Amino acid sequence: MNKAKAPVRRAVINKPASAEEESAFAISSKNKSNETFALTAHNYKLIGVGIGILILGYFLLSLEKFKDATEFSIALHVAPFVIVAGYAELIYAVMARPKKNTSPVTAE
């Protein structure tokens, strides 16, 4: 019984051929370790605004005790909309991406 050996597969590492490619390879390797954060300072400011709106909404909710639904009540009629606006602001703050500057810079 002859058993045929399966060919061995080896990983091939693409090494740069020239000095220019080598320096570009080194630069791209460094950039991979310095990846940017998912959220920017602008996102964190928006998150702070959203948390502030939520705190205001829950504070308005706690102002009055429920008496009657026929009377106007800040806790009943205003606070829920403020709370929903706070959560919407938080969702926007997390999803917002920074605007890229598409206008060309002209040197004068």
PDB file of N, CA and C in Angstrom:
ATOM      1  N   MET A   1       0.820  -1.171   0.000  1.00  0.00           N
ATOM      2  CA  MET A   1       0.000   0.000   0.000  1.00  0.00           C
ATOM      3  C   MET A   1       0.871   1.244   0.000  1.00  0.00           C
ATOM      4  N   ASN A   2       0.841   1.966  -1.075  1.00  0.00           N
ATOM      5  CA  ASN A   2       1.579   3.220  -1.150  1.00  0.00           C
ATOM      6  C   ASN A   2       0.647   4.375  -0.820  1.00  0.00           C
ATOM      7  N   LYS A   3       1.076   5.138   0.128  1.00  0.00           N
ATOM      8  CA  LYS A   3       0.297   6.332   0.456  1.00  0.00           C
ATOM      9  C   LYS A   3       0.993   7.535  -0.174  1.00  0.00           C
ATOM     10  N   ALA A   4       0.251   8.257  -0.982  1.00  0.00           N
ATOM     11  CA  ALA A   4       0.810   9.459  -1.614  1.00  0.00           C
ATOM     12  C   ALA A   4       0.681  10.621  -0.641  1.00  0.00           C
ATOM     13  N   LYS A   5       1.762  11.361  -0.511  1.00  0.00           N
ATOM     14  CA  LYS A   5       1.729  12.517   0.385  1.00  0.00           C
ATOM     15  C   LYS A   5       1.069  13.694  -0.328  1.00  0.00           C
ATOM     16  N   ALA A   6       0.252  14.370   0.427  1.00  0.00           N
ATOM     17  CA  ALA A   6      -0.391  15.570  -0.107  1.00  0.00           C
ATOM     18  C   ALA A   6       0.639  16.687  -0.162  1.00  0.00           C
ATOM     19  N   PRO A   7       0.560  17.540  -1.153  1.00  0.00           N
ATOM     20  CA  PRO A   7       1.528  18.634  -1.234  1.00  0.00           C
ATOM     21  C   PRO A   7       1.372  19.575  -0.025  1.00  0.00           C
ATOM     22  N   VAL A   8       2.489  20.053   0.458  1.00  0.00           N
ATOM     23  CA  VAL A   8       2.499  20.947   1.614  1.00  0.00           C
ATOM     24  C   VAL A   8       2.289  22.368   1.114  1.00  0.00           C
ATOM     25  N   ARG A   9       1.313  23.033   1.686  1.00  0.00           N
ATOM     26  CA  ARG A   9       1.061  24.423   1.324  1.00  0.00           C
ATOM     27  C   ARG A   9       1.779  25.312   2.317  1.00  0.00           C
ATOM     28  N   ARG A  10       2.497  26.261   1.801  1.00  0.00           N
ATOM     29  CA  ARG A  10       3.247  27.167   2.662  1.00  0.00           C
ATOM     30  C   ARG A  10       2.785  28.594   2.399  1.00  0.00           C
ATOM     31  N   ALA A  11       2.761  29.348   3.462  1.00  0.00           N
ATOM     32  CA  ALA A  11       2.373  30.748   3.329  1.00  0.00           C
ATOM     33  C   ALA A  11       3.490  31.524   2.658  1.00  0.00           C
ATOM     34  N   VAL A  12       3.105  32.364   1.730  1.00  0.00           N
ATOM     35  CA  VAL A  12       4.080  33.187   1.032  1.00  0.00           C
ATOM     36  C   VAL A  12       3.948  34.605   1.551  1.00  0.00           C
ATOM     37  N   ILE A  13       5.023  35.152   2.048  1.00  0.00           N
ATOM     38  CA  ILE A  13       5.026  36.527   2.532  1.00  0.00           C
ATOM     39  C   ILE A  13       5.565  37.398   1.416  1.00  0.00           C
ATOM     40  N   ASN A  14       4.764  38.369   1.025  1.00  0.00           N
ATOM     41  CA  ASN A  14       5.201  39.275  -0.029  1.00  0.00           C
ATOM     42  C   ASN A  14       6.143  40.304   0.569  1.00  0.00           C
ATOM     43  N   LYS A  15       7.394  40.167   0.259  1.00  0.00           N
ATOM     44  CA  LYS A  15       8.385  41.122   0.733  1.00  0.00           C
ATOM     45  C   LYS A  15       8.630  42.145  -0.358  1.00  0.00           C
ATOM     46  N   PRO A  16       8.829  43.402   0.036  1.00  0.00           N
ATOM     47  CA  PRO A  16       9.084  44.423  -0.971  1.00  0.00           C
ATOM     48  C   PRO A  16      10.388  44.161  -1.700  1.00  0.00           C
ATOM     49  N   ALA A  17      10.373  44.463  -2.997  1.00  0.00           N
ATOM     50  CA  ALA A  17      11.547  44.182  -3.821  1.00  0.00           C
ATOM     51  C   ALA A  17      12.573  45.305  -3.766  1.00  0.00           C
ATOM     52  N   SER A  18      12.116  46.552  -3.680  1.00  0.00           N
ATOM     53  CA  SER A  18      13.058  47.665  -3.716  1.00  0.00           C
ATOM     54  C   SER A  18      13.041  48.422  -2.389  1.00  0.00           C
ATOM     55  N   ALA A  19      13.956  49.368  -2.258  1.00  0.00           N
ATOM     56  CA  ALA A  19      14.042  50.174  -1.037  1.00  0.00           C
ATOM     57  C   ALA A  19      12.819  51.075  -0.896  1.00  0.00           C
ATOM     58  N   GLU A  20      12.296  51.609  -2.013  1.00  0.00           N
ATOM     59  CA  GLU A  20      11.114  52.460  -1.966  1.00  0.00           C
ATOM     60  C   GLU A  20       9.906  51.667  -1.479  1.00  0.00           C
ATOM     61  N   GLU A  21       9.746  50.483  -2.005  1.00  0.00           N
ATOM     62  CA  GLU A  21       8.638  49.646  -1.572  1.00  0.00           C
ATOM     63  C   GLU A  21       8.804  49.246  -0.113  1.00  0.00           C
ATOM     64  N   GLU A  22      10.042  49.053   0.317  1.00  0.00           N
ATOM     65  CA  GLU A  22      10.302  48.683   1.698  1.00  0.00           C
ATOM     66  C   GLU A  22       9.906  49.801   2.644  1.00  0.00           C
ATOM     67  N   SER A  23      10.228  51.056   2.292  1.00  0.00           N
ATOM     68  CA  SER A  23       9.854  52.172   3.163  1.00  0.00           C
ATOM     69  C   SER A  23       8.335  52.356   3.169  1.00  0.00           C
ATOM     70  N   ALA A  24       7.694  52.166   2.030  1.00  0.00           N
ATOM     71  CA  ALA A  24       6.238  52.259   1.979  1.00  0.00           C
ATOM     72  C   ALA A  24       5.607  51.137   2.793  1.00  0.00           C
ATOM     73  N   PHE A  25       6.216  49.956   2.744  1.00  0.00           N
ATOM     74  CA  PHE A  25       5.724  48.826   3.525  1.00  0.00           C
ATOM     75  C   PHE A  25       5.833  49.125   5.021  1.00  0.00           C
ATOM     76  N   ALA A  26       6.940  49.738   5.434  1.00  0.00           N
ATOM     77  CA  ALA A  26       7.140  50.067   6.848  1.00  0.00           C
ATOM     78  C   ALA A  26       6.166  51.133   7.302  1.00  0.00           C
ATOM     79  N   ILE A  27       5.908  52.139   6.460  1.00  0.00           N
ATOM     80  CA  ILE A  27       4.972  53.203   6.817  1.00  0.00           C
ATOM     81  C   ILE A  27       3.567  52.646   6.954  1.00  0.00           C
ATOM     82  N   SER A  28       3.142  51.798   6.020  1.00  0.00           N
ATOM     83  CA  SER A  28       1.796  51.238   6.107  1.00  0.00           C
ATOM     84  C   SER A  28       1.663  50.314   7.313  1.00  0.00           C
ATOM     85  N   SER A  29       2.726  49.656   7.718  1.00  0.00           N
ATOM     86  CA  SER A  29       2.676  48.814   8.906  1.00  0.00           C
ATOM     87  C   SER A  29       2.516  49.659  10.163  1.00  0.00           C
ATOM     88  N   LYS A  30       3.155  50.839  10.192  1.00  0.00           N
ATOM     89  CA  LYS A  30       3.024  51.730  11.345  1.00  0.00           C
ATOM     90  C   LYS A  30       1.621  52.302  11.431  1.00  0.00           C
ATOM     91  N   ASN A  31       1.021  52.626  10.304  1.00  0.00           N
ATOM     92  CA  ASN A  31      -0.316  53.215  10.303  1.00  0.00           C
ATOM     93  C   ASN A  31      -1.367  52.238  10.817  1.00  0.00           C
ATOM     94  N   LYS A  32      -1.146  50.962  10.634  1.00  0.00           N
ATOM     95  CA  LYS A  32      -2.111  49.982  11.109  1.00  0.00           C
ATOM     96  C   LYS A  32      -2.186  49.977  12.632  1.00  0.00           C
ATOM     97  N   SER A  33      -1.079  50.286  13.309  1.00  0.00           N
ATOM     98  CA  SER A  33      -1.094  50.292  14.762  1.00  0.00           C
ATOM     99  C   SER A  33      -1.672  51.580  15.318  1.00  0.00           C
ATOM    100  N   ASN A  34      -1.729  52.660  14.531  1.00  0.00           N
ATOM    101  CA  ASN A  34      -2.268  53.938  14.978  1.00  0.00           C
ATOM    102  C   ASN A  34      -3.652  54.180  14.396  1.00  0.00           C
ATOM    103  N   GLU A  35      -4.559  53.255  14.574  1.00  0.00           N
ATOM    104  CA  GLU A  35      -5.904  53.418  14.053  1.00  0.00           C
ATOM    105  C   GLU A  35      -6.642  54.451  14.887  1.00  0.00           C
ATOM    106  N   THR A  36      -7.565  55.160  14.257  1.00  0.00           N
ATOM    107  CA  THR A  36      -8.298  56.207  14.955  1.00  0.00           C
ATOM    108  C   THR A  36      -9.461  55.612  15.735  1.00  0.00           C
ATOM    109  N   PHE A  37      -9.963  56.397  16.680  1.00  0.00           N
ATOM    110  CA  PHE A  37     -11.102  55.962  17.476  1.00  0.00           C
ATOM    111  C   PHE A  37     -12.372  56.063  16.649  1.00  0.00           C
ATOM    112  N   ALA A  38     -13.372  55.311  17.033  1.00  0.00           N
ATOM    113  CA  ALA A  38     -14.633  55.323  16.301  1.00  0.00           C
ATOM    114  C   ALA A  38     -15.395  56.626  16.524  1.00  0.00           C
ATOM    115  N   LEU A  39     -15.290  57.201  17.711  1.00  0.00           N
ATOM    116  CA  LEU A  39     -15.991  58.441  18.029  1.00  0.00           C
ATOM    117  C   LEU A  39     -14.994  59.581  18.152  1.00  0.00           C
ATOM    118  N   THR A  40     -15.398  60.755  17.678  1.00  0.00           N
ATOM    119  CA  THR A  40     -14.540  61.929  17.753  1.00  0.00           C
ATOM    120  C   THR A  40     -14.974  62.809  18.918  1.00  0.00           C
ATOM    121  N   ALA A  41     -14.268  63.910  19.117  1.00  0.00           N
ATOM    122  CA  ALA A  41     -14.619  64.844  20.186  1.00  0.00           C
ATOM    123  C   ALA A  41     -16.006  65.432  19.951  1.00  0.00           C
ATOM    124  N   HIS A  42     -16.353  65.639  18.689  1.00  0.00           N
ATOM    125  CA  HIS A  42     -17.684  66.158  18.358  1.00  0.00           C
ATOM    126  C   HIS A  42     -18.770  65.180  18.805  1.00  0.00           C
ATOM    127  N   ASN A  43     -18.537  63.880  18.610  1.00  0.00           N
ATOM    128  CA  ASN A  43     -19.496  62.873  19.049  1.00  0.00           C
ATOM    129  C   ASN A  43     -19.689  62.911  20.560  1.00  0.00           C
ATOM    130  N   TYR A  44     -18.577  63.068  21.297  1.00  0.00           N
ATOM    131  CA  TYR A  44     -18.690  63.099  22.751  1.00  0.00           C
ATOM    132  C   TYR A  44     -19.428  64.343  23.235  1.00  0.00           C
ATOM    133  N   LYS A  45     -19.273  65.468  22.542  1.00  0.00           N
ATOM    134  CA  LYS A  45     -20.038  66.669  22.897  1.00  0.00           C
ATOM    135  C   LYS A  45     -21.526  66.431  22.671  1.00  0.00           C
ATOM    136  N   LEU A  46     -21.863  65.807  21.543  1.00  0.00           N
ATOM    137  CA  LEU A  46     -23.265  65.505  21.261  1.00  0.00           C
ATOM    138  C   LEU A  46     -23.842  64.518  22.275  1.00  0.00           C
ATOM    139  N   ILE A  47     -23.039  63.566  22.720  1.00  0.00           N
ATOM    140  CA  ILE A  47     -23.491  62.624  23.746  1.00  0.00           C
ATOM    141  C   ILE A  47     -23.761  63.368  25.047  1.00  0.00           C
ATOM    142  N   GLY A  48     -22.907  64.325  25.388  1.00  0.00           N
ATOM    143  CA  GLY A  48     -23.128  65.140  26.586  1.00  0.00           C
ATOM    144  C   GLY A  48     -24.413  65.938  26.502  1.00  0.00           C
ATOM    145  N   VAL A  49     -24.703  66.504  25.322  1.00  0.00           N
ATOM    146  CA  VAL A  49     -25.955  67.243  25.128  1.00  0.00           C
ATOM    147  C   VAL A  49     -27.147  66.298  25.280  1.00  0.00           C
ATOM    148  N   GLY A  50     -27.044  65.114  24.706  1.00  0.00           N
ATOM    149  CA  GLY A  50     -28.136  64.139  24.813  1.00  0.00           C
ATOM    150  C   GLY A  50     -28.395  63.719  26.245  1.00  0.00           C
ATOM    151  N   ILE A  51     -27.340  63.511  27.009  1.00  0.00           N
ATOM    152  CA  ILE A  51     -27.507  63.145  28.429  1.00  0.00           C
ATOM    153  C   ILE A  51     -28.130  64.298  29.196  1.00  0.00           C
ATOM    154  N   GLY A  52     -27.731  65.533  28.867  1.00  0.00           N
ATOM    155  CA  GLY A  52     -28.332  66.703  29.517  1.00  0.00           C
ATOM    156  C   GLY A  52     -29.820  66.807  29.227  1.00  0.00           C
ATOM    157  N   ILE A  53     -30.213  66.544  27.983  1.00  0.00           N
ATOM    158  CA  ILE A  53     -31.634  66.573  27.618  1.00  0.00           C
ATOM    159  C   ILE A  53     -32.395  65.483  28.366  1.00  0.00           C
ATOM    160  N   LEU A  54     -31.797  64.309  28.493  1.00  0.00           N
ATOM    161  CA  LEU A  54     -32.455  63.227  29.241  1.00  0.00           C
ATOM    162  C   LEU A  54     -32.636  63.598  30.711  1.00  0.00           C
ATOM    163  N   ILE A  55     -31.616  64.185  31.303  1.00  0.00           N
ATOM    164  CA  ILE A  55     -31.712  64.590  32.711  1.00  0.00           C
ATOM    165  C   ILE A  55     -32.828  65.622  32.871  1.00  0.00           C
ATOM    166  N   LEU A  56     -32.896  66.583  31.955  1.00  0.00           N
ATOM    167  CA  LEU A  56     -33.963  67.581  31.998  1.00  0.00           C
ATOM    168  C   LEU A  56     -35.331  66.918  31.868  1.00  0.00           C
ATOM    169  N   GLY A  57     -35.472  65.960  30.951  1.00  0.00           N
ATOM    170  CA  GLY A  57     -36.753  65.287  30.755  1.00  0.00           C
ATOM    171  C   GLY A  57     -37.192  64.499  31.979  1.00  0.00           C
ATOM    172  N   TYR A  58     -36.262  63.777  32.594  1.00  0.00           N
ATOM    173  CA  TYR A  58     -36.633  63.023  33.794  1.00  0.00           C
ATOM    174  C   TYR A  58     -36.894  63.954  34.979  1.00  0.00           C
ATOM    175  N   PHE A  59     -36.201  65.091  35.022  1.00  0.00           N
ATOM    176  CA  PHE A  59     -36.485  66.071  36.068  1.00  0.00           C
ATOM    177  C   PHE A  59     -37.891  66.643  35.892  1.00  0.00           C
ATOM    178  N   LEU A  60     -38.263  66.988  34.649  1.00  0.00           N
ATOM    179  CA  LEU A  60     -39.618  67.481  34.388  1.00  0.00           C
ATOM    180  C   LEU A  60     -40.661  66.423  34.721  1.00  0.00           C
ATOM    181  N   LEU A  61     -40.326  65.179  34.509  1.00  0.00           N
ATOM    182  CA  LEU A  61     -41.244  64.087  34.804  1.00  0.00           C
ATOM    183  C   LEU A  61     -41.510  63.969  36.302  1.00  0.00           C
ATOM    184  N   SER A  62     -40.525  64.323  37.097  1.00  0.00           N
ATOM    185  CA  SER A  62     -40.678  64.174  38.549  1.00  0.00           C
ATOM    186  C   SER A  62     -41.235  65.419  39.229  1.00  0.00           C
ATOM    187  N   LEU A  63     -41.486  66.485  38.488  1.00  0.00           N
ATOM    188  CA  LEU A  63     -41.931  67.732  39.118  1.00  0.00           C
ATOM    189  C   LEU A  63     -43.315  67.629  39.751  1.00  0.00           C
ATOM    190  N   GLU A  64     -44.248  67.121  39.037  1.00  0.00           N
ATOM    191  CA  GLU A  64     -45.626  67.129  39.511  1.00  0.00           C
ATOM    192  C   GLU A  64     -46.105  65.708  39.787  1.00  0.00           C
ATOM    193  N   LYS A  65     -46.976  65.632  40.759  1.00  0.00           N
ATOM    194  CA  LYS A  65     -47.622  64.349  41.006  1.00  0.00           C
ATOM    195  C   LYS A  65     -48.872  64.277  40.139  1.00  0.00           C
ATOM    196  N   PHE A  66     -49.176  63.081  39.663  1.00  0.00           N
ATOM    197  CA  PHE A  66     -50.311  62.892  38.768  1.00  0.00           C
ATOM    198  C   PHE A  66     -51.609  63.130  39.515  1.00  0.00           C
ATOM    199  N   LYS A  67     -52.393  64.062  38.970  1.00  0.00           N
ATOM    200  CA  LYS A  67     -53.695  64.356  39.581  1.00  0.00           C
ATOM    201  C   LYS A  67     -54.832  63.927  38.669  1.00  0.00           C
ATOM    202  N   ASP A  68     -54.838  64.524  37.475  1.00  0.00           N
ATOM    203  CA  ASP A  68     -55.930  64.257  36.558  1.00  0.00           C
ATOM    204  C   ASP A  68     -55.412  64.453  35.129  1.00  0.00           C
ATOM    205  N   ALA A  69     -55.780  63.585  34.248  1.00  0.00           N
ATOM    206  CA  ALA A  69     -55.285  63.666  32.880  1.00  0.00           C
ATOM    207  C   ALA A  69     -55.958  64.773  32.080  1.00  0.00           C
ATOM    208  N   THR A  70     -57.062  65.321  32.603  1.00  0.00           N
ATOM    209  CA  THR A  70     -57.747  66.393  31.879  1.00  0.00           C
ATOM    210  C   THR A  70     -57.061  67.742  32.078  1.00  0.00           C
ATOM    211  N   GLU A  71     -56.277  67.894  33.124  1.00  0.00           N
ATOM    212  CA  GLU A  71     -55.562  69.139  33.370  1.00  0.00           C
ATOM    213  C   GLU A  71     -54.200  69.075  32.694  1.00  0.00           C
ATOM    214  N   PHE A  72     -53.701  70.263  32.279  1.00  0.00           N
ATOM    215  CA  PHE A  72     -52.378  70.310  31.671  1.00  0.00           C
ATOM    216  C   PHE A  72     -51.322  70.044  32.732  1.00  0.00           C
ATOM    217  N   SER A  73     -50.426  69.178  32.425  1.00  0.00           N
ATOM    218  CA  SER A  73     -49.362  68.823  33.349  1.00  0.00           C
ATOM    219  C   SER A  73     -48.056  68.719  32.565  1.00  0.00           C
ATOM    220  N   ILE A  74     -47.024  69.380  33.073  1.00  0.00           N
ATOM    221  CA  ILE A  74     -45.719  69.303  32.417  1.00  0.00           C
ATOM    222  C   ILE A  74     -45.222  67.859  32.416  1.00  0.00           C
ATOM    223  N   ALA A  75     -45.420  67.183  33.523  1.00  0.00           N
ATOM    224  CA  ALA A  75     -44.946  65.802  33.629  1.00  0.00           C
ATOM    225  C   ALA A  75     -45.667  64.882  32.654  1.00  0.00           C
ATOM    226  N   LEU A  76     -46.890  65.195  32.333  1.00  0.00           N
ATOM    227  CA  LEU A  76     -47.677  64.320  31.478  1.00  0.00           C
ATOM    228  C   LEU A  76     -47.580  64.693  29.996  1.00  0.00           C
ATOM    229  N   HIS A  77     -47.483  65.985  29.698  1.00  0.00           N
ATOM    230  CA  HIS A  77     -47.564  66.419  28.313  1.00  0.00           C
ATOM    231  C   HIS A  77     -46.234  66.859  27.705  1.00  0.00           C
ATOM    232  N   VAL A  78     -45.279  67.313  28.482  1.00  0.00           N
ATOM    233  CA  VAL A  78     -44.028  67.846  27.939  1.00  0.00           C
ATOM    234  C   VAL A  78     -42.864  66.877  28.139  1.00  0.00           C
ATOM    235  N   ALA A  79     -42.742  66.332  29.341  1.00  0.00           N
ATOM    236  CA  ALA A  79     -41.590  65.493  29.694  1.00  0.00           C
ATOM    237  C   ALA A  79     -41.394  64.292  28.775  1.00  0.00           C
ATOM    238  N   PRO A  80     -42.433  63.581  28.377  1.00  0.00           N
ATOM    239  CA  PRO A  80     -42.197  62.438  27.485  1.00  0.00           C
ATOM    240  C   PRO A  80     -41.551  62.827  26.151  1.00  0.00           C
ATOM    241  N   PHE A  81     -41.954  63.982  25.607  1.00  0.00           N
ATOM    242  CA  PHE A  81     -41.358  64.430  24.349  1.00  0.00           C
ATOM    243  C   PHE A  81     -39.900  64.846  24.544  1.00  0.00           C
ATOM    244  N   VAL A  82     -39.588  65.440  25.690  1.00  0.00           N
ATOM    245  CA  VAL A  82     -38.207  65.818  25.977  1.00  0.00           C
ATOM    246  C   VAL A  82     -37.345  64.563  26.132  1.00  0.00           C
ATOM    247  N   ILE A  83     -37.862  63.543  26.772  1.00  0.00           N
ATOM    248  CA  ILE A  83     -37.116  62.292  26.960  1.00  0.00           C
ATOM    249  C   ILE A  83     -36.870  61.599  25.617  1.00  0.00           C
ATOM    250  N   VAL A  84     -37.886  61.557  24.764  1.00  0.00           N
ATOM    251  CA  VAL A  84     -37.718  60.950  23.434  1.00  0.00           C
ATOM    252  C   VAL A  84     -36.692  61.748  22.621  1.00  0.00           C
ATOM    253  N   ALA A  85     -36.726  63.075  22.747  1.00  0.00           N
ATOM    254  CA  ALA A  85     -35.743  63.905  22.042  1.00  0.00           C
ATOM    255  C   ALA A  85     -34.336  63.624  22.562  1.00  0.00           C
ATOM    256  N   GLY A  86     -34.196  63.375  23.856  1.00  0.00           N
ATOM    257  CA  GLY A  86     -32.886  63.049  24.423  1.00  0.00           C
ATOM    258  C   GLY A  86     -32.346  61.738  23.886  1.00  0.00           C
ATOM    259  N   TYR A  87     -33.189  60.731  23.804  1.00  0.00           N
ATOM    260  CA  TYR A  87     -32.742  59.446  23.249  1.00  0.00           C
ATOM    261  C   TYR A  87     -32.431  59.569  21.756  1.00  0.00           C
ATOM    262  N   ALA A  88     -33.211  60.359  21.032  1.00  0.00           N
ATOM    263  CA  ALA A  88     -32.926  60.573  19.613  1.00  0.00           C
ATOM    264  C   ALA A  88     -31.580  61.282  19.444  1.00  0.00           C
ATOM    265  N   GLU A  89     -31.283  62.241  20.314  1.00  0.00           N
ATOM    266  CA  GLU A  89     -29.995  62.928  20.265  1.00  0.00           C
ATOM    267  C   GLU A  89     -28.847  61.961  20.546  1.00  0.00           C
ATOM    268  N   LEU A  90     -29.030  61.057  21.487  1.00  0.00           N
ATOM    269  CA  LEU A  90     -27.987  60.070  21.784  1.00  0.00           C
ATOM    270  C   LEU A  90     -27.741  59.140  20.590  1.00  0.00           C
ATOM    271  N   ILE A  91     -28.800  58.716  19.941  1.00  0.00           N
ATOM    272  CA  ILE A  91     -28.652  57.847  18.775  1.00  0.00           C
ATOM    273  C   ILE A  91     -27.914  58.599  17.664  1.00  0.00           C
ATOM    274  N   TYR A  92     -28.293  59.860  17.445  1.00  0.00           N
ATOM    275  CA  TYR A  92     -27.607  60.658  16.428  1.00  0.00           C
ATOM    276  C   TYR A  92     -26.142  60.870  16.796  1.00  0.00           C
ATOM    277  N   ALA A  93     -25.873  61.103  18.082  1.00  0.00           N
ATOM    278  CA  ALA A  93     -24.502  61.363  18.530  1.00  0.00           C
ATOM    279  C   ALA A  93     -23.596  60.165  18.275  1.00  0.00           C
ATOM    280  N   VAL A  94     -24.112  58.975  18.445  1.00  0.00           N
ATOM    281  CA  VAL A  94     -23.302  57.778  18.228  1.00  0.00           C
ATOM    282  C   VAL A  94     -23.137  57.495  16.733  1.00  0.00           C
ATOM    283  N   MET A  95     -24.162  57.779  15.945  1.00  0.00           N
ATOM    284  CA  MET A  95     -24.131  57.453  14.520  1.00  0.00           C
ATOM    285  C   MET A  95     -23.464  58.529  13.664  1.00  0.00           C
ATOM    286  N   ALA A  96     -23.338  59.756  14.163  1.00  0.00           N
ATOM    287  CA  ALA A  96     -22.825  60.875  13.360  1.00  0.00           C
ATOM    288  C   ALA A  96     -21.366  60.651  12.996  1.00  0.00           C
ATOM    289  N   ARG A  97     -21.041  60.959  11.771  1.00  0.00           N
ATOM    290  CA  ARG A  97     -19.663  60.884  11.295  1.00  0.00           C
ATOM    291  C   ARG A  97     -19.169  62.294  11.056  1.00  0.00           C
ATOM    292  N   PRO A  98     -17.881  62.520  11.247  1.00  0.00           N
ATOM    293  CA  PRO A  98     -17.371  63.871  11.003  1.00  0.00           C
ATOM    294  C   PRO A  98     -17.448  64.225   9.525  1.00  0.00           C
ATOM    295  N   LYS A  99     -17.738  65.488   9.261  1.00  0.00           N
ATOM    296  CA  LYS A  99     -17.819  65.938   7.875  1.00  0.00           C
ATOM    297  C   LYS A  99     -16.418  66.065   7.315  1.00  0.00           C
ATOM    298  N   LYS A 100     -16.249  65.577   6.102  1.00  0.00           N
ATOM    299  CA  LYS A 100     -14.953  65.685   5.437  1.00  0.00           C
ATOM    300  C   LYS A 100     -14.906  67.010   4.699  1.00  0.00           C
ATOM    301  N   ASN A 101     -13.776  67.668   4.759  1.00  0.00           N
ATOM    302  CA  ASN A 101     -13.597  68.933   4.084  1.00  0.00           C
ATOM    303  C   ASN A 101     -13.370  68.662   2.605  1.00  0.00           C
ATOM    304  N   THR A 102     -14.399  68.936   1.796  1.00  0.00           N
ATOM    305  CA  THR A 102     -14.300  68.653   0.368  1.00  0.00           C
ATOM    306  C   THR A 102     -13.849  69.864  -0.428  1.00  0.00           C
ATOM    307  N   SER A 103     -13.875  71.048   0.189  1.00  0.00           N
ATOM    308  CA  SER A 103     -13.442  72.228  -0.536  1.00  0.00           C
ATOM    309  C   SER A 103     -11.925  72.286  -0.601  1.00  0.00           C
ATOM    310  N   PRO A 104     -11.386  72.592  -1.770  1.00  0.00           N
ATOM    311  CA  PRO A 104      -9.915  72.640  -1.886  1.00  0.00           C
ATOM    312  C   PRO A 104      -9.345  73.834  -1.136  1.00  0.00           C
ATOM    313  N   VAL A 105      -8.211  73.634  -0.528  1.00  0.00           N
ATOM    314  CA  VAL A 105      -7.545  74.695   0.210  1.00  0.00           C
ATOM    315  C   VAL A 105      -6.663  75.447  -0.772  1.00  0.00           C
ATOM    316  N   THR A 106      -6.855  76.754  -0.831  1.00  0.00           N
ATOM    317  CA  THR A 106      -6.044  77.564  -1.735  1.00  0.00           C
ATOM    318  C   THR A 106      -5.053  78.371  -0.920  1.00  0.00           C
ATOM    319  N   ALA A 107      -3.820  78.324  -1.304  1.00  0.00           N
ATOM    320  CA  ALA A 107      -2.775  79.081  -0.628  1.00  0.00           C
ATOM    321  C   ALA A 107      -2.639  80.442  -1.279  1.00  0.00           C
ATOM    322  N   GLU A 108      -2.685  81.471  -0.456  1.00  0.00           N
ATOM    323  CA  GLU A 108      -2.554  82.822  -1.000  1.00  0.00           C
ATOM    324  C   GLU A 108      -1.268  83.435  -0.575  1.00  0.00           C
TER     325      GLU A 108
END
